[in-house]
Amino acid sequence: MGLLYVALGGAIGASARYLVGGWMGAWLGSGFPWGTFFVNISGSFLIGIVLVLVDGGSLPAGARTFVAVGILGGYTTFSSFSYESLGLLTDSGLLLTLLNTLGQLVLGLVFVYLGVIVGRLIGGA
């Protein structure tokens, strides 16, 4: 049943990302990735609210699967990254937080670059 909740939530979140990202880009222009920026920041804000309400018992445990993993996971994985990084900062200290945040940022850039190279090698533009 959890997989169904994630799949349904993911469809909602991905659709919302497409709509919100496109709207923000159209509204603020294409010189900066405003759509992605807004989606990542708003997703981070929303996951903070949802997970605190689930952990505090104000929302049922299933909301974690449907809303946090499904909807917000489809909307942006950056929200999970932000929430987990905050958890590292409060529970494990600065070193692990920096390893996580800088590691994902740097390696994410490196691997997206490598992916672009491989995509071009196999026939992309």
PDB file of N, CA and C in Angstrom:
ATOM      1  N   MET A   1       0.822  -1.199   0.000  1.00  0.00           N
ATOM      2  CA  MET A   1       0.000   0.000   0.000  1.00  0.00           C
ATOM      3  C   MET A   1       0.865   1.261   0.000  1.00  0.00           C
ATOM      4  N   GLY A   2       2.029   1.183   0.673  1.00  0.00           N
ATOM      5  CA  GLY A   2       2.927   2.333   0.719  1.00  0.00           C
ATOM      6  C   GLY A   2       3.387   2.756  -0.665  1.00  0.00           C
ATOM      7  N   LEU A   3       3.668   1.777  -1.519  1.00  0.00           N
ATOM      8  CA  LEU A   3       4.109   2.078  -2.877  1.00  0.00           C
ATOM      9  C   LEU A   3       3.029   2.822  -3.650  1.00  0.00           C
ATOM     10  N   LEU A   4       1.782   2.450  -3.459  1.00  0.00           N
ATOM     11  CA  LEU A   4       0.677   3.138  -4.116  1.00  0.00           C
ATOM     12  C   LEU A   4       0.594   4.593  -3.653  1.00  0.00           C
ATOM     13  N   TYR A   5       0.746   4.822  -2.346  1.00  0.00           N
ATOM     14  CA  TYR A   5       0.735   6.191  -1.819  1.00  0.00           C
ATOM     15  C   TYR A   5       1.877   7.019  -2.406  1.00  0.00           C
ATOM     16  N   VAL A   6       3.058   6.427  -2.495  1.00  0.00           N
ATOM     17  CA  VAL A   6       4.208   7.142  -3.053  1.00  0.00           C
ATOM     18  C   VAL A   6       3.964   7.447  -4.532  1.00  0.00           C
ATOM     19  N   ALA A   7       3.444   6.464  -5.267  1.00  0.00           N
ATOM     20  CA  ALA A   7       3.205   6.660  -6.699  1.00  0.00           C
ATOM     21  C   ALA A   7       2.156   7.748  -6.958  1.00  0.00           C
ATOM     22  N   LEU A   8       1.057   7.699  -6.215  1.00  0.00           N
ATOM     23  CA  LEU A   8       0.010   8.721  -6.385  1.00  0.00           C
ATOM     24  C   LEU A   8       0.517  10.095  -5.964  1.00  0.00           C
ATOM     25  N   GLY A   9       1.191  10.147  -4.826  1.00  0.00           N
ATOM     26  CA  GLY A   9       1.745  11.410  -4.363  1.00  0.00           C
ATOM     27  C   GLY A   9       2.792  11.946  -5.327  1.00  0.00           C
ATOM     28  N   GLY A  10       3.619  11.049  -5.851  1.00  0.00           N
ATOM     29  CA  GLY A  10       4.650  11.459  -6.798  1.00  0.00           C
ATOM     30  C   GLY A  10       4.057  12.072  -8.057  1.00  0.00           C
ATOM     31  N   ALA A  11       2.970  11.507  -8.537  1.00  0.00           N
ATOM     32  CA  ALA A  11       2.310  12.065  -9.715  1.00  0.00           C
ATOM     33  C   ALA A  11       1.790  13.474  -9.429  1.00  0.00           C
ATOM     34  N   ILE A  12       1.238  13.655  -8.242  1.00  0.00           N
ATOM     35  CA  ILE A  12       0.749  14.988  -7.848  1.00  0.00           C
ATOM     36  C   ILE A  12       1.918  15.957  -7.734  1.00  0.00           C
ATOM     37  N   GLY A  13       2.977  15.529  -7.052  1.00  0.00           N
ATOM     38  CA  GLY A  13       4.133  16.399  -6.844  1.00  0.00           C
ATOM     39  C   GLY A  13       4.836  16.766  -8.135  1.00  0.00           C
ATOM     40  N   ALA A  14       5.028  15.787  -9.021  1.00  0.00           N
ATOM     41  CA  ALA A  14       5.688  16.064 -10.299  1.00  0.00           C
ATOM     42  C   ALA A  14       4.855  17.017 -11.145  1.00  0.00           C
ATOM     43  N   SER A  15       3.555  16.844 -11.119  1.00  0.00           N
ATOM     44  CA  SER A  15       2.670  17.750 -11.854  1.00  0.00           C
ATOM     45  C   SER A  15       2.738  19.153 -11.280  1.00  0.00           C
ATOM     46  N   ALA A  16       2.750  19.246  -9.966  1.00  0.00           N
ATOM     47  CA  ALA A  16       2.858  20.548  -9.310  1.00  0.00           C
ATOM     48  C   ALA A  16       4.188  21.212  -9.643  1.00  0.00           C
ATOM     49  N   ARG A  17       5.264  20.431  -9.653  1.00  0.00           N
ATOM     50  CA  ARG A  17       6.578  20.978 -10.006  1.00  0.00           C
ATOM     51  C   ARG A  17       6.548  21.560 -11.411  1.00  0.00           C
ATOM     52  N   TYR A  18       5.980  20.830 -12.329  1.00  0.00           N
ATOM     53  CA  TYR A  18       5.895  21.282 -13.715  1.00  0.00           C
ATOM     54  C   TYR A  18       5.109  22.598 -13.801  1.00  0.00           C
ATOM     55  N   LEU A  19       3.975  22.645 -13.153  1.00  0.00           N
ATOM     56  CA  LEU A  19       3.131  23.835 -13.216  1.00  0.00           C
ATOM     57  C   LEU A  19       3.749  25.029 -12.495  1.00  0.00           C
ATOM     58  N   VAL A  20       4.187  24.811 -11.261  1.00  0.00           N
ATOM     59  CA  VAL A  20       4.760  25.904 -10.467  1.00  0.00           C
ATOM     60  C   VAL A  20       6.071  26.391 -11.083  1.00  0.00           C
ATOM     61  N   GLY A  21       6.920  25.446 -11.481  1.00  0.00           N
ATOM     62  CA  GLY A  21       8.194  25.826 -12.095  1.00  0.00           C
ATOM     63  C   GLY A  21       7.994  26.619 -13.370  1.00  0.00           C
ATOM     64  N   GLY A  22       7.068  26.191 -14.198  1.00  0.00           N
ATOM     65  CA  GLY A  22       6.784  26.906 -15.444  1.00  0.00           C
ATOM     66  C   GLY A  22       6.202  28.284 -15.191  1.00  0.00           C
ATOM     67  N   TRP A  23       5.311  28.359 -14.220  1.00  0.00           N
ATOM     68  CA  TRP A  23       4.693  29.650 -13.891  1.00  0.00           C
ATOM     69  C   TRP A  23       5.725  30.636 -13.374  1.00  0.00           C
ATOM     70  N   MET A  24       6.598  30.171 -12.490  1.00  0.00           N
ATOM     71  CA  MET A  24       7.632  31.062 -11.932  1.00  0.00           C
ATOM     72  C   MET A  24       8.601  31.514 -13.021  1.00  0.00           C
ATOM     73  N   GLY A  25       8.993  30.591 -13.892  1.00  0.00           N
ATOM     74  CA  GLY A  25       9.892  30.945 -14.984  1.00  0.00           C
ATOM     75  C   GLY A  25       9.263  31.971 -15.918  1.00  0.00           C
ATOM     76  N   ALA A  26       7.997  31.793 -16.222  1.00  0.00           N
ATOM     77  CA  ALA A  26       7.301  32.739 -17.097  1.00  0.00           C
ATOM     78  C   ALA A  26       7.147  34.095 -16.423  1.00  0.00           C
ATOM     79  N   TRP A  27       6.898  34.079 -15.136  1.00  0.00           N
ATOM     80  CA  TRP A  27       6.670  35.322 -14.388  1.00  0.00           C
ATOM     81  C   TRP A  27       7.962  36.105 -14.196  1.00  0.00           C
ATOM     82  N   LEU A  28       9.058  35.412 -13.839  1.00  0.00           N
ATOM     83  CA  LEU A  28      10.292  36.100 -13.484  1.00  0.00           C
ATOM     84  C   LEU A  28      11.369  36.060 -14.567  1.00  0.00           C
ATOM     85  N   GLY A  29      11.137  35.354 -15.645  1.00  0.00           N
ATOM     86  CA  GLY A  29      12.087  35.329 -16.742  1.00  0.00           C
ATOM     87  C   GLY A  29      13.018  34.130 -16.689  1.00  0.00           C
ATOM     88  N   SER A  30      13.786  33.976 -17.763  1.00  0.00           N
ATOM     89  CA  SER A  30      14.619  32.790 -17.907  1.00  0.00           C
ATOM     90  C   SER A  30      16.104  33.034 -17.648  1.00  0.00           C
ATOM     91  N   GLY A  31      16.477  34.195 -17.168  1.00  0.00           N
ATOM     92  CA  GLY A  31      17.886  34.489 -16.912  1.00  0.00           C
ATOM     93  C   GLY A  31      18.449  33.779 -15.685  1.00  0.00           C
ATOM     94  N   PHE A  32      17.593  33.230 -14.859  1.00  0.00           N
ATOM     95  CA  PHE A  32      17.963  32.515 -13.638  1.00  0.00           C
ATOM     96  C   PHE A  32      16.932  31.410 -13.473  1.00  0.00           C
ATOM     97  N   PRO A  33      17.326  30.236 -12.956  1.00  0.00           N
ATOM     98  CA  PRO A  33      16.342  29.139 -12.835  1.00  0.00           C
ATOM     99  C   PRO A  33      15.356  29.355 -11.680  1.00  0.00           C
ATOM    100  N   TRP A  34      14.523  30.386 -11.840  1.00  0.00           N
ATOM    101  CA  TRP A  34      13.585  30.756 -10.769  1.00  0.00           C
ATOM    102  C   TRP A  34      12.607  29.656 -10.440  1.00  0.00           C
ATOM    103  N   GLY A  35      12.157  28.929 -11.449  1.00  0.00           N
ATOM    104  CA  GLY A  35      11.199  27.858 -11.203  1.00  0.00           C
ATOM    105  C   GLY A  35      11.769  26.800 -10.279  1.00  0.00           C
ATOM    106  N   THR A  36      12.963  26.317 -10.595  1.00  0.00           N
ATOM    107  CA  THR A  36      13.624  25.317  -9.765  1.00  0.00           C
ATOM    108  C   THR A  36      13.939  25.883  -8.390  1.00  0.00           C
ATOM    109  N   PHE A  37      14.427  27.105  -8.351  1.00  0.00           N
ATOM    110  CA  PHE A  37      14.761  27.762  -7.088  1.00  0.00           C
ATOM    111  C   PHE A  37      13.540  27.810  -6.181  1.00  0.00           C
ATOM    112  N   PHE A  38      12.423  28.282  -6.712  1.00  0.00           N
ATOM    113  CA  PHE A  38      11.210  28.399  -5.907  1.00  0.00           C
ATOM    114  C   PHE A  38      10.694  27.035  -5.473  1.00  0.00           C
ATOM    115  N   VAL A  39      10.701  26.067  -6.387  1.00  0.00           N
ATOM    116  CA  VAL A  39      10.226  24.725  -6.064  1.00  0.00           C
ATOM    117  C   VAL A  39      11.069  24.127  -4.934  1.00  0.00           C
ATOM    118  N   ASN A  40      12.384  24.254  -5.018  1.00  0.00           N
ATOM    119  CA  ASN A  40      13.256  23.683  -3.986  1.00  0.00           C
ATOM    120  C   ASN A  40      13.061  24.367  -2.635  1.00  0.00           C
ATOM    121  N   ILE A  41      12.936  25.669  -2.630  1.00  0.00           N
ATOM    122  CA  ILE A  41      12.757  26.387  -1.364  1.00  0.00           C
ATOM    123  C   ILE A  41      11.377  26.109  -0.774  1.00  0.00           C
ATOM    124  N   SER A  42      10.345  26.162  -1.599  1.00  0.00           N
ATOM    125  CA  SER A  42       8.994  25.910  -1.076  1.00  0.00           C
ATOM    126  C   SER A  42       8.840  24.459  -0.643  1.00  0.00           C
ATOM    127  N   GLY A  43       9.452  23.531  -1.361  1.00  0.00           N
ATOM    128  CA  GLY A  43       9.409  22.126  -0.953  1.00  0.00           C
ATOM    129  C   GLY A  43      10.089  21.909   0.375  1.00  0.00           C
ATOM    130  N   SER A  44      11.198  22.605   0.594  1.00  0.00           N
ATOM    131  CA  SER A  44      11.905  22.512   1.879  1.00  0.00           C
ATOM    132  C   SER A  44      11.024  23.026   3.017  1.00  0.00           C
ATOM    133  N   PHE A  45      10.351  24.133   2.774  1.00  0.00           N
ATOM    134  CA  PHE A  45       9.451  24.702   3.767  1.00  0.00           C
ATOM    135  C   PHE A  45       8.314  23.732   4.083  1.00  0.00           C
ATOM    136  N   LEU A  46       7.711  23.179   3.039  1.00  0.00           N
ATOM    137  CA  LEU A  46       6.576  22.282   3.232  1.00  0.00           C
ATOM    138  C   LEU A  46       6.962  20.983   3.922  1.00  0.00           C
ATOM    139  N   ILE A  47       8.132  20.412   3.588  1.00  0.00           N
ATOM    140  CA  ILE A  47       8.519  19.163   4.242  1.00  0.00           C
ATOM    141  C   ILE A  47       8.795  19.399   5.725  1.00  0.00           C
ATOM    142  N   GLY A  48       9.303  20.572   6.050  1.00  0.00           N
ATOM    143  CA  GLY A  48       9.504  20.906   7.460  1.00  0.00           C
ATOM    144  C   GLY A  48       8.196  20.886   8.227  1.00  0.00           C
ATOM    145  N   ILE A  49       7.176  21.508   7.648  1.00  0.00           N
ATOM    146  CA  ILE A  49       5.864  21.533   8.289  1.00  0.00           C
ATOM    147  C   ILE A  49       5.295  20.121   8.419  1.00  0.00           C
ATOM    148  N   VAL A  50       5.269  19.389   7.316  1.00  0.00           N
ATOM    149  CA  VAL A  50       4.640  18.069   7.291  1.00  0.00           C
ATOM    150  C   VAL A  50       5.315  17.105   8.260  1.00  0.00           C
ATOM    151  N   LEU A  51       6.639  17.040   8.234  1.00  0.00           N
ATOM    152  CA  LEU A  51       7.321  16.056   9.078  1.00  0.00           C
ATOM    153  C   LEU A  51       7.233  16.394  10.563  1.00  0.00           C
ATOM    154  N   VAL A  52       7.200  17.668  10.899  1.00  0.00           N
ATOM    155  CA  VAL A  52       7.004  18.034  12.312  1.00  0.00           C
ATOM    156  C   VAL A  52       5.594  17.656  12.749  1.00  0.00           C
ATOM    157  N   LEU A  53       4.610  17.866  11.895  1.00  0.00           N
ATOM    158  CA  LEU A  53       3.230  17.508  12.250  1.00  0.00           C
ATOM    159  C   LEU A  53       3.051  15.995  12.351  1.00  0.00           C
ATOM    160  N   VAL A  54       3.725  15.239  11.473  1.00  0.00           N
ATOM    161  CA  VAL A  54       3.664  13.774  11.566  1.00  0.00           C
ATOM    162  C   VAL A  54       4.345  13.314  12.844  1.00  0.00           C
ATOM    163  N   ASP A  55       5.561  13.801  13.086  1.00  0.00           N
ATOM    164  CA  ASP A  55       6.308  13.390  14.279  1.00  0.00           C
ATOM    165  C   ASP A  55       5.597  13.780  15.574  1.00  0.00           C
ATOM    166  N   GLY A  56       4.856  14.893  15.541  1.00  0.00           N
ATOM    167  CA  GLY A  56       4.128  15.341  16.726  1.00  0.00           C
ATOM    168  C   GLY A  56       2.754  14.713  16.882  1.00  0.00           C
ATOM    169  N   GLY A  57       2.340  13.918  15.896  1.00  0.00           N
ATOM    170  CA  GLY A  57       1.056  13.248  15.989  1.00  0.00           C
ATOM    171  C   GLY A  57      -0.130  14.037  15.464  1.00  0.00           C
ATOM    172  N   SER A  58       0.106  15.231  14.928  1.00  0.00           N
ATOM    173  CA  SER A  58      -0.997  16.023  14.387  1.00  0.00           C
ATOM    174  C   SER A  58      -1.467  15.522  13.026  1.00  0.00           C
ATOM    175  N   LEU A  59      -0.583  14.832  12.329  1.00  0.00           N
ATOM    176  CA  LEU A  59      -0.935  14.174  11.072  1.00  0.00           C
ATOM    177  C   LEU A  59      -0.666  12.683  11.233  1.00  0.00           C
ATOM    178  N   PRO A  60      -1.439  11.843  10.570  1.00  0.00           N
ATOM    179  CA  PRO A  60      -1.202  10.403  10.684  1.00  0.00           C
ATOM    180  C   PRO A  60       0.143  10.007  10.066  1.00  0.00           C
ATOM    181  N   ALA A  61       0.684   8.892  10.523  1.00  0.00           N
ATOM    182  CA  ALA A  61       1.981   8.421  10.041  1.00  0.00           C
ATOM    183  C   ALA A  61       1.985   8.233   8.528  1.00  0.00           C
ATOM    184  N   GLY A  62       0.856   7.872   7.945  1.00  0.00           N
ATOM    185  CA  GLY A  62       0.766   7.695   6.498  1.00  0.00           C
ATOM    186  C   GLY A  62       1.025   8.967   5.717  1.00  0.00           C
ATOM    187  N   ALA A  63       0.877  10.111   6.360  1.00  0.00           N
ATOM    188  CA  ALA A  63       1.157  11.383   5.685  1.00  0.00           C
ATOM    189  C   ALA A  63       2.631  11.495   5.331  1.00  0.00           C
ATOM    190  N   ARG A  64       3.499  10.847   6.109  1.00  0.00           N
ATOM    191  CA  ARG A  64       4.925  10.844   5.782  1.00  0.00           C
ATOM    192  C   ARG A  64       5.132  10.185   4.416  1.00  0.00           C
ATOM    193  N   THR A  65       4.474   9.049   4.209  1.00  0.00           N
ATOM    194  CA  THR A  65       4.631   8.322   2.950  1.00  0.00           C
ATOM    195  C   THR A  65       3.974   9.076   1.798  1.00  0.00           C
ATOM    196  N   PHE A  66       2.732   9.463   1.970  1.00  0.00           N
ATOM    197  CA  PHE A  66       1.994  10.088   0.877  1.00  0.00           C
ATOM    198  C   PHE A  66       2.467  11.511   0.590  1.00  0.00           C
ATOM    199  N   VAL A  67       2.579  12.330   1.630  1.00  0.00           N
ATOM    200  CA  VAL A  67       2.896  13.751   1.418  1.00  0.00           C
ATOM    201  C   VAL A  67       4.402  13.981   1.318  1.00  0.00           C
ATOM    202  N   ALA A  68       5.169  13.536   2.326  1.00  0.00           N
ATOM    203  CA  ALA A  68       6.607  13.848   2.337  1.00  0.00           C
ATOM    204  C   ALA A  68       7.366  13.084   1.256  1.00  0.00           C
ATOM    205  N   VAL A  69       7.176  11.756   1.202  1.00  0.00           N
ATOM    206  CA  VAL A  69       7.910  10.957   0.216  1.00  0.00           C
ATOM    207  C   VAL A  69       7.276  11.086  -1.162  1.00  0.00           C
ATOM    208  N   GLY A  70       5.956  10.965  -1.236  1.00  0.00           N
ATOM    209  CA  GLY A  70       5.266  10.987  -2.523  1.00  0.00           C
ATOM    210  C   GLY A  70       5.159  12.377  -3.130  1.00  0.00           C
ATOM    211  N   ILE A  71       4.312  13.210  -2.556  1.00  0.00           N
ATOM    212  CA  ILE A  71       4.066  14.535  -3.149  1.00  0.00           C
ATOM    213  C   ILE A  71       5.334  15.376  -3.158  1.00  0.00           C
ATOM    214  N   LEU A  72       5.943  15.556  -1.988  1.00  0.00           N
ATOM    215  CA  LEU A  72       7.115  16.433  -1.940  1.00  0.00           C
ATOM    216  C   LEU A  72       8.338  15.800  -2.594  1.00  0.00           C
ATOM    217  N   GLY A  73       8.411  14.466  -2.577  1.00  0.00           N
ATOM    218  CA  GLY A  73       9.486  13.794  -3.299  1.00  0.00           C
ATOM    219  C   GLY A  73       9.350  13.981  -4.800  1.00  0.00           C
ATOM    220  N   GLY A  74       8.113  13.981  -5.305  1.00  0.00           N
ATOM    221  CA  GLY A  74       7.888  14.258  -6.716  1.00  0.00           C
ATOM    222  C   GLY A  74       8.055  15.730  -7.038  1.00  0.00           C
ATOM    223  N   TYR A  75       7.737  16.563  -6.070  1.00  0.00           N
ATOM    224  CA  TYR A  75       7.858  18.013  -6.239  1.00  0.00           C
ATOM    225  C   TYR A  75       9.326  18.412  -6.240  1.00  0.00           C
ATOM    226  N   THR A  76      10.080  17.904  -5.269  1.00  0.00           N
ATOM    227  CA  THR A  76      11.503  18.203  -5.187  1.00  0.00           C
ATOM    228  C   THR A  76      12.182  17.268  -4.209  1.00  0.00           C
ATOM    229  N   THR A  77      13.295  16.667  -4.608  1.00  0.00           N
ATOM    230  CA  THR A  77      14.073  15.891  -3.641  1.00  0.00           C
ATOM    231  C   THR A  77      14.921  16.818  -2.790  1.00  0.00           C
ATOM    232  N   PHE A  78      15.020  18.064  -3.187  1.00  0.00           N
ATOM    233  CA  PHE A  78      15.791  19.024  -2.408  1.00  0.00           C
ATOM    234  C   PHE A  78      15.198  19.203  -1.018  1.00  0.00           C
ATOM    235  N   SER A  79      13.893  19.037  -0.916  1.00  0.00           N
ATOM    236  CA  SER A  79      13.257  19.167   0.394  1.00  0.00           C
ATOM    237  C   SER A  79      13.758  18.081   1.337  1.00  0.00           C
ATOM    238  N   SER A  80      13.891  16.852   0.858  1.00  0.00           N
ATOM    239  CA  SER A  80      14.433  15.773   1.688  1.00  0.00           C
ATOM    240  C   SER A  80      15.878  16.067   2.061  1.00  0.00           C
ATOM    241  N   PHE A  81      16.647  16.505   1.096  1.00  0.00           N
ATOM    242  CA  PHE A  81      18.047  16.866   1.330  1.00  0.00           C
ATOM    243  C   PHE A  81      18.149  17.927   2.430  1.00  0.00           C
ATOM    244  N   SER A  82      17.330  18.943   2.352  1.00  0.00           N
ATOM    245  CA  SER A  82      17.367  20.025   3.341  1.00  0.00           C
ATOM    246  C   SER A  82      16.980  19.536   4.728  1.00  0.00           C
ATOM    247  N   TYR A  83      15.921  18.742   4.804  1.00  0.00           N
ATOM    248  CA  TYR A  83      15.457  18.240   6.098  1.00  0.00           C
ATOM    249  C   TYR A  83      16.487  17.308   6.725  1.00  0.00           C
ATOM    250  N   GLU A  84      17.063  16.423   5.908  1.00  0.00           N
ATOM    251  CA  GLU A  84      18.074  15.498   6.422  1.00  0.00           C
ATOM    252  C   GLU A  84      19.336  16.233   6.840  1.00  0.00           C
ATOM    253  N   SER A  85      19.695  17.283   6.123  1.00  0.00           N
ATOM    254  CA  SER A  85      20.872  18.078   6.487  1.00  0.00           C
ATOM    255  C   SER A  85      20.654  18.801   7.805  1.00  0.00           C
ATOM    256  N   LEU A  86      19.454  19.309   8.013  1.00  0.00           N
ATOM    257  CA  LEU A  86      19.134  19.939   9.290  1.00  0.00           C
ATOM    258  C   LEU A  86      19.229  18.926  10.423  1.00  0.00           C
ATOM    259  N   GLY A  87      18.735  17.712  10.178  1.00  0.00           N
ATOM    260  CA  GLY A  87      18.848  16.653  11.179  1.00  0.00           C
ATOM    261  C   GLY A  87      20.292  16.340  11.510  1.00  0.00           C
ATOM    262  N   LEU A  88      21.147  16.288  10.496  1.00  0.00           N
ATOM    263  CA  LEU A  88      22.571  16.062  10.744  1.00  0.00           C
ATOM    264  C   LEU A  88      23.160  17.197  11.574  1.00  0.00           C
ATOM    265  N   LEU A  89      22.780  18.422  11.251  1.00  0.00           N
ATOM    266  CA  LEU A  89      23.322  19.571  11.974  1.00  0.00           C
ATOM    267  C   LEU A  89      22.927  19.527  13.446  1.00  0.00           C
ATOM    268  N   THR A  90      21.680  19.199  13.726  1.00  0.00           N
ATOM    269  CA  THR A  90      21.230  19.189  15.111  1.00  0.00           C
ATOM    270  C   THR A  90      21.658  17.937  15.863  1.00  0.00           C
ATOM    271  N   ASP A  91      21.789  16.796  15.167  1.00  0.00           N
ATOM    272  CA  ASP A  91      22.093  15.535  15.840  1.00  0.00           C
ATOM    273  C   ASP A  91      23.558  15.122  15.771  1.00  0.00           C
ATOM    274  N   SER A  92      24.239  15.473  14.692  1.00  0.00           N
ATOM    275  CA  SER A  92      25.585  14.936  14.472  1.00  0.00           C
ATOM    276  C   SER A  92      26.669  15.984  14.335  1.00  0.00           C
ATOM    277  N   GLY A  93      26.297  17.243  14.242  1.00  0.00           N
ATOM    278  CA  GLY A  93      27.290  18.293  14.201  1.00  0.00           C
ATOM    279  C   GLY A  93      27.631  18.781  12.805  1.00  0.00           C
ATOM    280  N   LEU A  94      28.521  19.738  12.803  1.00  0.00           N
ATOM    281  CA  LEU A  94      28.860  20.463  11.592  1.00  0.00           C
ATOM    282  C   LEU A  94      29.614  19.619  10.566  1.00  0.00           C
ATOM    283  N   LEU A  95      30.503  18.759  10.994  1.00  0.00           N
ATOM    284  CA  LEU A  95      31.330  18.000  10.059  1.00  0.00           C
ATOM    285  C   LEU A  95      30.476  17.124   9.133  1.00  0.00           C
ATOM    286  N   LEU A  96      29.577  16.336   9.697  1.00  0.00           N
ATOM    287  CA  LEU A  96      28.722  15.494   8.857  1.00  0.00           C
ATOM    288  C   LEU A  96      27.762  16.325   8.017  1.00  0.00           C
ATOM    289  N   THR A  97      27.320  17.455   8.558  1.00  0.00           N
ATOM    290  CA  THR A  97      26.443  18.334   7.788  1.00  0.00           C
ATOM    291  C   THR A  97      27.165  18.880   6.564  1.00  0.00           C
ATOM    292  N   LEU A  98      28.395  19.330   6.762  1.00  0.00           N
ATOM    293  CA  LEU A  98      29.178  19.834   5.634  1.00  0.00           C
ATOM    294  C   LEU A  98      29.503  18.733   4.633  1.00  0.00           C
ATOM    295  N   LEU A  99      29.822  17.552   5.137  1.00  0.00           N
ATOM    296  CA  LEU A  99      30.089  16.426   4.249  1.00  0.00           C
ATOM    297  C   LEU A  99      28.869  16.144   3.376  1.00  0.00           C
ATOM    298  N   ASN A 100      27.694  16.144   3.986  1.00  0.00           N
ATOM    299  CA  ASN A 100      26.467  15.886   3.249  1.00  0.00           C
ATOM    300  C   ASN A 100      26.155  17.007   2.260  1.00  0.00           C
ATOM    301  N   THR A 101      26.137  18.243   2.727  1.00  0.00           N
ATOM    302  CA  THR A 101      25.704  19.349   1.870  1.00  0.00           C
ATOM    303  C   THR A 101      26.719  19.641   0.770  1.00  0.00           C
ATOM    304  N   LEU A 102      27.965  19.801   1.139  1.00  0.00           N
ATOM    305  CA  LEU A 102      28.979  20.103   0.126  1.00  0.00           C
ATOM    306  C   LEU A 102      29.243  18.894  -0.762  1.00  0.00           C
ATOM    307  N   GLY A 103      29.212  17.707  -0.159  1.00  0.00           N
ATOM    308  CA  GLY A 103      29.421  16.500  -0.945  1.00  0.00           C
ATOM    309  C   GLY A 103      28.358  16.323  -2.012  1.00  0.00           C
ATOM    310  N   GLN A 104      27.100  16.502  -1.641  1.00  0.00           N
ATOM    311  CA  GLN A 104      26.039  16.346  -2.630  1.00  0.00           C
ATOM    312  C   GLN A 104      26.078  17.445  -3.681  1.00  0.00           C
ATOM    313  N   LEU A 105      26.396  18.653  -3.259  1.00  0.00           N
ATOM    314  CA  LEU A 105      26.460  19.748  -4.216  1.00  0.00           C
ATOM    315  C   LEU A 105      27.601  19.534  -5.213  1.00  0.00           C
ATOM    316  N   VAL A 106      28.791  19.298  -4.701  1.00  0.00           N
ATOM    317  CA  VAL A 106      29.954  19.132  -5.575  1.00  0.00           C
ATOM    318  C   VAL A 106      29.819  17.878  -6.432  1.00  0.00           C
ATOM    319  N   LEU A 107      29.504  16.752  -5.796  1.00  0.00           N
ATOM    320  CA  LEU A 107      29.373  15.517  -6.569  1.00  0.00           C
ATOM    321  C   LEU A 107      28.179  15.573  -7.520  1.00  0.00           C
ATOM    322  N   GLY A 108      27.125  16.252  -7.116  1.00  0.00           N
ATOM    323  CA  GLY A 108      25.989  16.424  -8.023  1.00  0.00           C
ATOM    324  C   GLY A 108      26.394  17.178  -9.274  1.00  0.00           C
ATOM    325  N   LEU A 109      27.162  18.242  -9.103  1.00  0.00           N
ATOM    326  CA  LEU A 109      27.649  18.995 -10.267  1.00  0.00           C
ATOM    327  C   LEU A 109      28.587  18.153 -11.118  1.00  0.00           C
ATOM    328  N   VAL A 110      29.498  17.419 -10.480  1.00  0.00           N
ATOM    329  CA  VAL A 110      30.433  16.564 -11.213  1.00  0.00           C
ATOM    330  C   VAL A 110      29.674  15.505 -12.000  1.00  0.00           C
ATOM    331  N   PHE A 111      28.720  14.846 -11.354  1.00  0.00           N
ATOM    332  CA  PHE A 111      28.024  13.759 -12.025  1.00  0.00           C
ATOM    333  C   PHE A 111      27.035  14.243 -13.077  1.00  0.00           C
ATOM    334  N   VAL A 112      26.447  15.408 -12.899  1.00  0.00           N
ATOM    335  CA  VAL A 112      25.597  15.920 -13.973  1.00  0.00           C
ATOM    336  C   VAL A 112      26.478  16.272 -15.171  1.00  0.00           C
ATOM    337  N   TYR A 113      27.659  16.778 -14.929  1.00  0.00           N
ATOM    338  CA  TYR A 113      28.610  17.058 -16.011  1.00  0.00           C
ATOM    339  C   TYR A 113      29.011  15.763 -16.716  1.00  0.00           C
ATOM    340  N   LEU A 114      29.340  14.725 -15.942  1.00  0.00           N
ATOM    341  CA  LEU A 114      29.680  13.436 -16.538  1.00  0.00           C
ATOM    342  C   LEU A 114      28.505  12.856 -17.320  1.00  0.00           C
ATOM    343  N   GLY A 115      27.306  13.015 -16.791  1.00  0.00           N
ATOM    344  CA  GLY A 115      26.122  12.558 -17.501  1.00  0.00           C
ATOM    345  C   GLY A 115      25.918  13.285 -18.823  1.00  0.00           C
ATOM    346  N   VAL A 116      26.203  14.572 -18.836  1.00  0.00           N
ATOM    347  CA  VAL A 116      26.118  15.352 -20.078  1.00  0.00           C
ATOM    348  C   VAL A 116      27.132  14.820 -21.091  1.00  0.00           C
ATOM    349  N   ILE A 117      28.341  14.553 -20.633  1.00  0.00           N
ATOM    350  CA  ILE A 117      29.371  14.015 -21.524  1.00  0.00           C
ATOM    351  C   ILE A 117      28.929  12.663 -22.092  1.00  0.00           C
ATOM    352  N   VAL A 118      28.468  11.766 -21.224  1.00  0.00           N
ATOM    353  CA  VAL A 118      28.042  10.446 -21.687  1.00  0.00           C
ATOM    354  C   VAL A 118      26.853  10.588 -22.631  1.00  0.00           C
ATOM    355  N   GLY A 119      25.906  11.443 -22.310  1.00  0.00           N
ATOM    356  CA  GLY A 119      24.763  11.657 -23.185  1.00  0.00           C
ATOM    357  C   GLY A 119      25.182  12.144 -24.567  1.00  0.00           C
ATOM    358  N   ARG A 120      26.140  13.031 -24.595  1.00  0.00           N
ATOM    359  CA  ARG A 120      26.646  13.513 -25.885  1.00  0.00           C
ATOM    360  C   ARG A 120      27.371  12.399 -26.642  1.00  0.00           C
ATOM    361  N   LEU A 121      28.117  11.575 -25.913  1.00  0.00           N
ATOM    362  CA  LEU A 121      28.851  10.480 -26.558  1.00  0.00           C
ATOM    363  C   LEU A 121      27.920   9.447 -27.182  1.00  0.00           C
ATOM    364  N   ILE A 122      26.747   9.244 -26.573  1.00  0.00           N
ATOM    365  CA  ILE A 122      25.839   8.236 -27.130  1.00  0.00           C
ATOM    366  C   ILE A 122      24.827   8.831 -28.097  1.00  0.00           C
ATOM    367  N   GLY A 123      25.038  10.078 -28.454  1.00  0.00           N
ATOM    368  CA  GLY A 123      24.228  10.632 -29.532  1.00  0.00           C
ATOM    369  C   GLY A 123      23.410  11.858 -29.224  1.00  0.00           C
ATOM    370  N   GLY A 124      23.561  12.421 -28.060  1.00  0.00           N
ATOM    371  CA  GLY A 124      22.839  13.639 -27.752  1.00  0.00           C
ATOM    372  C   GLY A 124      23.481  14.850 -28.404  1.00  0.00           C
ATOM    373  N   ALA A 125      22.819  15.961 -28.346  1.00  0.00           N
ATOM    374  CA  ALA A 125      23.313  17.191 -28.980  1.00  0.00           C
ATOM    375  C   ALA A 125      24.557  17.734 -28.337  1.00  0.00           C
TER     376      ALA A 125
END
